[in-house]
Protein backbone atom coordinates (compact mmCIF):
# COMPACT_ATOMS: atom_id res chain seq x y z
CA CYS A 1 125.76 117.92 48.25
CA PRO A 2 125.72 118.79 44.49
CA THR A 3 128.89 120.24 42.85
CA MET A 4 128.94 123.89 43.07
CA PRO A 5 131.12 126.78 44.35
CA TRP A 6 132.61 126.07 47.92
CA PRO A 7 130.67 128.88 49.72
CA ALA A 8 127.30 127.92 48.11
CA THR A 9 127.91 124.16 48.81
CA THR A 10 128.64 124.81 52.53
CA THR A 11 125.59 127.18 52.74
CA VAL A 12 123.29 124.60 51.18
CA CYS A 13 124.72 121.68 53.34
CA LEU A 14 124.34 123.87 56.40
CA LEU A 15 120.77 124.59 55.40
CA ILE A 16 119.99 120.90 54.82
CA LEU A 17 121.59 120.10 58.23
CA PHE A 18 119.71 122.79 59.85
CA CYS A 19 116.29 121.57 58.47
CA VAL A 20 117.08 117.93 59.45
CA LEU A 21 117.87 119.22 62.95
CA MET A 22 114.61 121.22 63.06
CA VAL A 23 112.66 118.18 61.82
CA LYS A 24 114.11 115.99 64.48
CA LEU A 25 113.55 118.50 67.18
CA TYR A 26 110.04 118.96 65.99
CA ILE A 27 109.27 115.25 66.05
CA ARG A 28 110.93 114.99 69.47
CA LYS A 29 108.64 117.91 70.63
CA ILE A 30 105.57 115.94 69.27
CA SER A 31 106.70 112.86 70.95
CA ASP A 32 107.16 114.55 74.31
CA TYR A 33 104.01 116.30 73.87
CA ASN A 34 102.13 113.02 73.20
CA GLN A 35 103.90 111.38 76.17
CA LEU A 36 102.80 114.31 78.38
CA ILE A 37 99.18 113.98 77.12
CA TYR A 38 99.30 110.17 77.74
CA GLN A 39 100.70 110.66 81.21
CA LYS A 40 98.06 113.23 82.05
CA ASP A 41 95.43 110.91 80.95
CA ILE A 42 96.80 108.11 83.02
CA ASP A 43 97.01 110.40 86.10
CA PHE A 44 93.37 111.62 85.34
CA GLN A 45 92.14 108.00 85.20
CA LYS A 46 93.98 107.19 88.32
CA THR A 47 92.49 110.30 90.05
CA LEU A 48 88.99 109.32 88.78
CA LYS A 49 89.49 105.73 90.00
CA THR A 50 90.74 106.90 93.26
CA THR A 51 87.73 109.18 93.74
CA VAL A 52 85.35 106.40 92.88
CA LEU A 53 87.11 104.06 95.48
CA GLU A 54 86.88 106.76 98.16
CA SER A 55 83.16 107.13 97.38
CA GLN A 56 82.56 103.43 97.66
CA GLU A 57 84.53 103.43 101.06
CA LEU A 58 82.22 106.16 102.32
CA ILE A 59 79.14 104.16 101.37
CA LEU A 60 80.56 101.07 102.90
CA GLN A 61 81.44 102.88 106.12
CA ASP A 62 77.91 104.40 106.43
CA LEU A 63 76.38 100.95 105.89
CA SER A 64 78.83 99.37 108.40
CA GLN A 65 77.84 102.18 110.90
CA ASP A 66 74.09 101.65 110.15
CA LEU A 67 74.38 97.97 110.71
CA HIS A 68 76.18 98.33 113.97
CA ASP A 69 74.13 101.27 115.48
CA ASP A 70 70.66 100.48 114.08
CA ALA A 71 70.24 96.84 113.34
CA GLY A 72 72.55 95.79 116.11
CA GLN A 73 70.96 97.79 118.72
CA GLN A 74 67.39 96.65 117.66
CA LEU A 75 68.43 93.00 117.96
CA THR A 76 69.95 93.60 121.41
CA ALA A 77 66.64 95.26 122.43
CA ILE A 78 64.78 92.30 121.11
CA ASN A 79 66.81 89.81 123.03
CA PHE A 80 66.45 91.97 126.14
CA GLN A 81 62.59 91.71 125.79
CA ILE A 82 62.79 87.87 125.24
CA GLU A 83 64.92 87.45 128.47
CA ASN A 84 62.23 89.51 130.25
CA LEU A 85 59.56 87.30 129.01
CA LYS A 86 61.48 84.34 130.27
CA LEU A 87 61.68 85.88 133.79
CA ASP A 88 58.03 86.90 133.84
CA ASP A 89 56.73 83.67 132.54
CA PRO A 90 59.07 80.65 133.54
CA GLU A 91 56.73 78.27 131.53
CA MET A 92 57.72 80.12 128.34
CA GLN A 93 61.49 79.53 128.74
CA GLU A 94 61.65 76.34 126.76
CA ALA A 95 59.57 77.81 123.87
CA LEU A 96 61.55 81.13 123.93
CA ALA A 97 65.02 79.51 124.06
CA PRO A 98 65.45 78.72 120.39
CA ILE A 99 64.14 82.23 119.45
CA SER A 100 66.63 83.78 121.95
CA GLU A 101 69.50 81.66 120.35
CA TYR A 102 68.42 82.64 116.83
CA VAL A 103 68.49 86.50 117.77
CA LYS A 104 71.93 86.10 119.32
CA GLN A 105 73.34 84.28 116.13
CA LEU A 106 71.80 86.93 113.91
CA SER A 107 73.38 89.72 116.08
CA GLN A 108 76.72 87.98 115.81
CA SER A 109 76.45 87.80 112.13
CA ILE A 110 75.45 91.45 111.63
CA ARG A 111 78.23 92.35 113.88
CA GLY A 112 80.68 90.38 111.78
CA ILE A 113 79.36 91.83 108.56
CA SER A 114 79.61 95.32 109.94
CA HIS A 115 83.12 94.67 111.04
CA SER A 116 84.18 93.26 107.52
CA LEU A 117 82.57 96.36 105.71
CA SER A 118 84.51 98.75 107.79
CA ASN A 119 87.92 99.54 106.57
CA GLN A 120 89.34 100.45 109.97
CA MET A 121 91.03 97.01 110.45
CA ALA A 122 92.63 97.06 107.07
CA ILE A 123 93.89 100.71 107.63
CA ARG A 124 95.11 100.24 111.24
CA GLU A 125 96.50 96.67 110.83
CA ASP A 126 98.30 94.74 108.34
CA VAL A 127 96.08 93.56 105.62
CA LEU A 128 97.17 89.87 106.22
CA LYS A 129 95.70 90.04 109.63
CA ALA A 130 92.54 91.60 108.31
CA ILE A 131 92.25 88.73 105.73
CA ALA A 132 92.95 85.97 108.34
CA ASN A 133 90.26 87.42 110.59
CA GLU A 134 87.75 87.46 107.71
CA ILE A 135 88.61 83.73 106.82
CA THR A 136 88.18 82.94 110.50
CA ARG A 137 84.61 84.40 110.33
CA LEU A 138 83.79 82.66 106.98
CA GLN A 139 85.03 79.28 108.29
CA LYS A 140 82.05 79.29 110.63
CA SER A 141 79.82 78.68 107.75
CA LYS A 142 79.84 74.87 106.89
CA SER A 143 78.85 75.28 103.16
CA ILE A 144 82.26 76.22 101.97
CA ALA A 145 85.53 75.14 103.16
CA PHE A 146 88.12 78.00 103.28
CA GLU A 147 91.80 77.36 103.54
CA LEU A 148 94.38 80.18 104.05
CA ASN A 149 98.10 79.70 103.60
CA ILE A 150 100.35 82.73 104.13
CA VAL A 151 104.01 82.42 103.02
CA GLU A 152 106.25 85.06 104.30
CA PRO A 153 109.90 84.88 103.02
CA GLY A 154 110.32 88.50 104.01
CA TYR A 155 108.39 91.19 105.79
CA LYS A 156 106.59 93.60 103.48
CA ALA A 157 105.63 97.00 104.69
CA PHE A 158 102.13 97.83 103.19
CA THR A 159 100.99 101.30 102.38
CA THR A 160 97.64 102.41 103.72
CA ASP A 161 96.34 102.21 100.02
CA GLU A 162 97.75 98.70 99.68
CA ASN A 163 96.16 97.57 102.94
CA LEU A 164 92.76 98.79 101.86
CA VAL A 165 92.68 97.85 98.08
CA ILE A 166 94.11 94.42 98.71
CA TYR A 167 91.48 93.86 101.41
CA ARG A 168 88.57 95.05 99.20
CA ILE A 169 89.72 92.90 96.32
CA PHE A 170 89.81 89.95 98.51
CA GLN A 171 86.32 90.71 99.70
CA GLU A 172 85.15 91.09 96.15
CA ILE A 173 86.58 87.67 95.09
CA ILE A 174 85.05 85.79 98.05
CA ASN A 175 81.70 87.53 97.79
CA ASN A 176 81.69 86.34 94.05
CA VAL A 177 82.45 82.87 95.03
CA ILE A 178 79.70 82.70 97.69
CA LYS A 179 77.18 84.30 95.33
CA HIS A 180 77.98 82.82 92.00
CA ALA A 181 80.59 79.91 92.05
CA LYS A 182 78.66 77.28 93.72
CA ALA A 183 81.87 76.05 95.19
CA THR A 184 82.50 73.78 98.08
CA SER A 185 86.10 74.76 98.66
CA VAL A 186 88.33 77.87 98.42
CA ALA A 187 92.09 77.89 98.86
CA ILE A 188 93.72 81.18 99.38
CA GLN A 189 97.58 81.47 99.09
CA ILE A 190 99.56 84.70 99.89
CA LYS A 191 103.20 85.34 99.18
CA THR A 192 104.69 88.52 100.43
CA GLY A 193 107.95 88.48 98.65
CA PRO A 194 109.90 89.19 96.49
CA GLN A 195 106.66 90.76 95.05
CA PHE A 196 103.32 90.36 96.82
CA GLN A 197 101.03 87.72 95.26
CA MET A 198 97.59 86.48 96.35
CA THR A 199 96.03 83.49 94.66
CA VAL A 200 92.48 82.49 95.20
CA GLN A 201 91.34 79.27 93.76
CA ASP A 202 87.78 77.70 93.99
CA ASN A 203 86.23 74.57 92.71
CA GLY A 204 83.01 76.06 91.52
CA ILE A 205 81.17 76.10 88.20
CA GLY A 206 83.58 78.59 86.59
CA PHE A 207 82.70 80.86 83.73
CA ASN A 208 83.61 82.09 80.30
CA THR A 209 86.20 85.05 80.78
CA GLN A 210 85.15 86.31 77.39
CA ASP A 211 81.57 86.71 78.36
CA LYS A 212 80.84 90.39 78.75
CA SER A 213 78.20 89.94 81.36
CA ASN A 214 81.01 88.92 83.66
CA SER A 215 83.19 91.86 82.89
CA LEU A 216 81.73 94.35 85.21
CA GLY A 217 83.06 92.83 88.37
CA MET A 218 86.29 91.91 86.82
CA TRP A 219 86.75 95.47 85.69
CA SER A 220 86.17 96.83 89.12
CA MET A 221 88.83 94.69 90.71
CA VAL A 222 91.28 95.36 87.87
CA SER A 223 90.61 99.07 88.29
CA ARG A 224 91.28 98.79 91.91
CA ALA A 225 94.48 96.87 91.51
CA GLU A 226 95.73 99.52 89.07
CA ILE A 227 95.41 102.21 91.62
CA ILE A 228 98.19 100.53 93.66
CA ASN A 229 100.18 99.39 90.69
CA TYR A 230 99.18 95.69 90.74
CA ASP A 231 98.02 93.26 88.04
CA LEU A 232 95.00 91.12 88.49
CA GLU A 233 94.66 87.89 86.33
CA VAL A 234 91.54 85.86 86.09
CA GLN A 235 91.72 82.19 84.85
CA SER A 236 88.39 80.35 84.48
CA GLN A 237 86.56 77.91 82.29
CA PRO A 238 83.05 76.47 82.66
CA ASN A 239 82.83 73.54 85.05
CA LYS A 240 86.66 73.89 85.97
CA GLY A 241 86.51 76.30 88.79
CA THR A 242 88.27 79.87 88.91
CA THR A 243 91.71 81.16 89.85
CA ILE A 244 92.36 84.74 90.50
CA ILE A 245 95.81 86.10 90.97
CA LEU A 246 96.60 89.61 92.37
CA THR A 247 100.40 90.41 91.82
CA GLU A 248 102.41 93.43 92.60
CA LYS A 249 104.16 94.79 89.64
CA LYS A 250 107.97 94.65 89.62
CA PRO A 251 109.38 98.35 90.34
């Protein structure tokens, strides 16, 4: 403080100190306010993503129910009519046998798809069981070899949201492989601890991760992962396959 009479010096110093404290307090309030706004924005985004996820689940549930109740029942009725034709005209049995078998296979496929679209297994049971059952269904197809390895160093209690979101991300990855990757083999490894991690690796054609045309599906999975506080990493190059890693964030 400048040289001046003691009372005036004290007053000026106290005034400067007061101003400094006020500035610091103001800066802190601004920082807290910005943090609050940021947190509200994050909460809003999570709420929005959760709402979208719930809407998607309702659509999938309706589709699953329609497949089971409508298409499934109609195929059952068709097969019933075929069996009646066999009884009415024994000479037609040999000609109708392949058709009857195709209808049965189609009915089983629709039942499997309906079951995989439904979220009830993922909600009621452990997501690992749901994934294992889905792999068993997929292994019936001979075009792609699926391999599942589950490593469980310790038991993990999944929340309902974790069960559902992990299962849906797994389905999205597998659907992308079947539709686009032109892969002949897919390896899935799941570790439950110390943090959950699911790695899905295929030997398909791969893609450029910087290509925006591929970003929509990736964004959907990343958004789902964020809802349950997980990270999703995509590693891929053209003609070198794709590896997708879903990892639980450390607390």
